[in-house]
C-alpha atoms as a PDB file:
ATOM      1  CA  MET A   1       0.000   0.000   0.000  1.00  0.00           C
ATOM      2  CA  ASN A   2       2.859   2.358   0.760  1.00  0.00           C
ATOM      3  CA  ARG A   3       4.306   1.821  -2.725  1.00  0.00           C
ATOM      4  CA  PHE A   4       0.911   2.594  -4.265  1.00  0.00           C
ATOM      5  CA  ILE A   5       0.641   5.892  -2.380  1.00  0.00           C
ATOM      6  CA  ARG A   6       4.137   6.920  -3.505  1.00  0.00           C
ATOM      7  CA  THR A   7       3.274   6.040  -7.106  1.00  0.00           C
ATOM      8  CA  LEU A   8       0.041   7.987  -6.880  1.00  0.00           C
ATOM      9  CA  ILE A   9       1.826  11.042  -5.488  1.00  0.00           C
ATOM     10  CA  VAL A  10       4.415  10.889  -8.271  1.00  0.00           C
ATOM     11  CA  LEU A  11       1.673  10.637 -10.914  1.00  0.00           C
ATOM     12  CA  VAL A  12      -0.184  13.608  -9.444  1.00  0.00           C
ATOM     13  CA  LEU A  13       2.990  15.679  -9.366  1.00  0.00           C
ATOM     14  CA  ILE A  14       3.796  14.783 -12.975  1.00  0.00           C
ATOM     15  CA  ASN A  15       0.257  15.739 -14.022  1.00  0.00           C
ATOM     16  CA  LEU A  16       0.495  19.050 -12.211  1.00  0.00           C
ATOM     17  CA  TRP A  17       3.840  19.762 -13.804  1.00  0.00           C
ATOM     18  CA  CYS A  18       2.488  18.963 -17.277  1.00  0.00           C
ATOM     19  CA  LEU A  19      -0.528  21.181 -16.728  1.00  0.00           C
ATOM     20  CA  SER A  20       1.512  24.051 -15.370  1.00  0.00           C
ATOM     21  CA  GLU A  21       1.819  27.283 -17.268  1.00  0.00           C
ATOM     22  CA  GLY A  22       5.414  26.551 -18.232  1.00  0.00           C
ATOM     23  CA  SER A  23       4.371  23.498 -20.218  1.00  0.00           C
ATOM     24  CA  ALA A  24       1.466  25.369 -21.771  1.00  0.00           C
ATOM     25  CA  GLN A  25       3.837  28.079 -22.946  1.00  0.00           C
ATOM     26  CA  GLY A  26       6.059  25.431 -24.504  1.00  0.00           C
ATOM     27  CA  VAL A  27       3.119  24.079 -26.492  1.00  0.00           C
ATOM     28  CA  ALA A  28       2.048  27.564 -27.497  1.00  0.00           C
ATOM     29  CA  SER A  29       5.543  28.426 -28.697  1.00  0.00           C
ATOM     30  CA  ALA A  30       5.652  25.263 -30.807  1.00  0.00           C
ATOM     31  CA  MET A  31       2.500  26.410 -32.584  1.00  0.00           C
ATOM     32  CA  ASN A  32       1.844  29.849 -33.910  1.00  0.00           C
ATOM     33  CA  THR A  33       1.352  31.817 -30.671  1.00  0.00           C
ATOM     34  CA  GLU A  34      -1.416  34.017 -32.047  1.00  0.00           C
ATOM     35  CA  GLU A  35      -3.272  30.984 -33.367  1.00  0.00           C
ATOM     36  CA  ALA A  36      -2.985  29.153 -30.028  1.00  0.00           C
ATOM     37  CA  VAL A  37      -4.329  32.139 -28.074  1.00  0.00           C
ATOM     38  CA  THR A  38      -7.232  32.572 -30.486  1.00  0.00           C
ATOM     39  CA  MET A  39      -8.136  28.897 -30.194  1.00  0.00           C
ATOM     40  CA  ALA A  40      -8.040  29.041 -26.380  1.00  0.00           C
ATOM     41  CA  ASP A  41     -10.132  32.218 -26.288  1.00  0.00           C
ATOM     42  CA  THR A  42     -12.697  30.714 -28.636  1.00  0.00           C
ATOM     43  CA  MET A  43     -13.012  27.521 -26.604  1.00  0.00           C
ATOM     44  CA  ARG A  44     -13.217  29.477 -23.369  1.00  0.00           C
ATOM     45  CA  SER A  45     -15.900  31.826 -24.708  1.00  0.00           C
ATOM     46  CA  ASN A  46     -18.000  28.921 -26.013  1.00  0.00           C
ATOM     47  CA  GLY A  47     -17.647  27.013 -22.757  1.00  0.00           C
ATOM     48  CA  LYS A  48     -16.068  24.024 -24.517  1.00  0.00           C
ATOM     49  CA  ILE A  49     -12.912  24.291 -22.450  1.00  0.00           C
ATOM     50  CA  TYR A  50     -14.875  22.892 -19.521  1.00  0.00           C
ATOM     51  CA  VAL A  51     -15.870  19.862 -21.596  1.00  0.00           C
ATOM     52  CA  VAL A  52     -12.214  19.249 -22.442  1.00  0.00           C
ATOM     53  CA  LEU A  53     -11.264  19.618 -18.779  1.00  0.00           C
ATOM     54  CA  ALA A  54     -14.030  17.233 -17.704  1.00  0.00           C
ATOM     55  CA  VAL A  55     -12.915  14.594 -20.215  1.00  0.00           C
ATOM     56  CA  VAL A  56      -9.275  14.856 -19.112  1.00  0.00           C
ATOM     57  CA  LEU A  57     -10.248  14.573 -15.438  1.00  0.00           C
ATOM     58  CA  LEU A  58     -12.517  11.617 -16.188  1.00  0.00           C
ATOM     59  CA  ILE A  59      -9.713   9.792 -17.989  1.00  0.00           C
ATOM     60  CA  GLN A  60      -7.284  10.465 -15.141  1.00  0.00           C
ATOM     61  CA  ALA A  61      -9.819   9.330 -12.543  1.00  0.00           C
ATOM     62  CA  GLY A  62     -10.337   6.115 -14.511  1.00  0.00           C
ATOM     63  CA  LEU A  63      -6.591   5.508 -14.608  1.00  0.00           C
ATOM     64  CA  PHE A  64      -6.272   6.072 -10.861  1.00  0.00           C
ATOM     65  CA  VAL A  65      -9.149   3.667 -10.139  1.00  0.00           C
ATOM     66  CA  MET A  66      -7.588   1.080 -12.433  1.00  0.00           C
ATOM     67  CA  LEU A  67      -4.215   1.424 -10.681  1.00  0.00           C
ATOM     68  CA  TRP A  68      -5.868   1.189  -7.273  1.00  0.00           C
ATOM     69  CA  SER A  69      -7.788  -1.972  -8.161  1.00  0.00           C
ATOM     70  CA  LEU A  70      -4.690  -3.511  -9.736  1.00  0.00           C
ATOM     71  CA  ASP A  71      -2.704  -2.772  -6.590  1.00  0.00           C
ATOM     72  CA  ARG A  72      -5.375  -4.431  -4.443  1.00  0.00           C
ATOM     73  CA  LYS A  73      -5.385  -7.528  -6.637  1.00  0.00           C
ATOM     74  CA  LEU A  74      -1.610  -7.779  -6.556  1.00  0.00           C
ATOM     75  CA  SER A  75      -1.583  -7.338  -2.777  1.00  0.00           C
ATOM     76  CA  LYS A  76      -4.033 -10.257  -2.444  1.00  0.00           C
ATOM     77  CA  LEU A  77      -1.839 -12.426  -4.661  1.00  0.00           C
ATOM     78  CA  GLU A  78       1.290 -11.559  -2.673  1.00  0.00           C
ATOM     79  CA  ALA A  79      -0.328 -12.487   0.644  1.00  0.00           C
END
């Protein structure tokens, strides 16, 4: 269980780092900056950015549940 908690903390920290503004600026600089800002403004004004955020959070929650259940099954097999 301790190993699972450490893995979960590392995954959360990696996700936070990837979602940080520094990473977003790196993506925006790879694309045309003006085009990236326009796309983000359009999605934000239409409210679609919340749909994207909800889908990303749903996928991450599913991955965490899958890891948790896999850890439980492995713990039962080890015992």
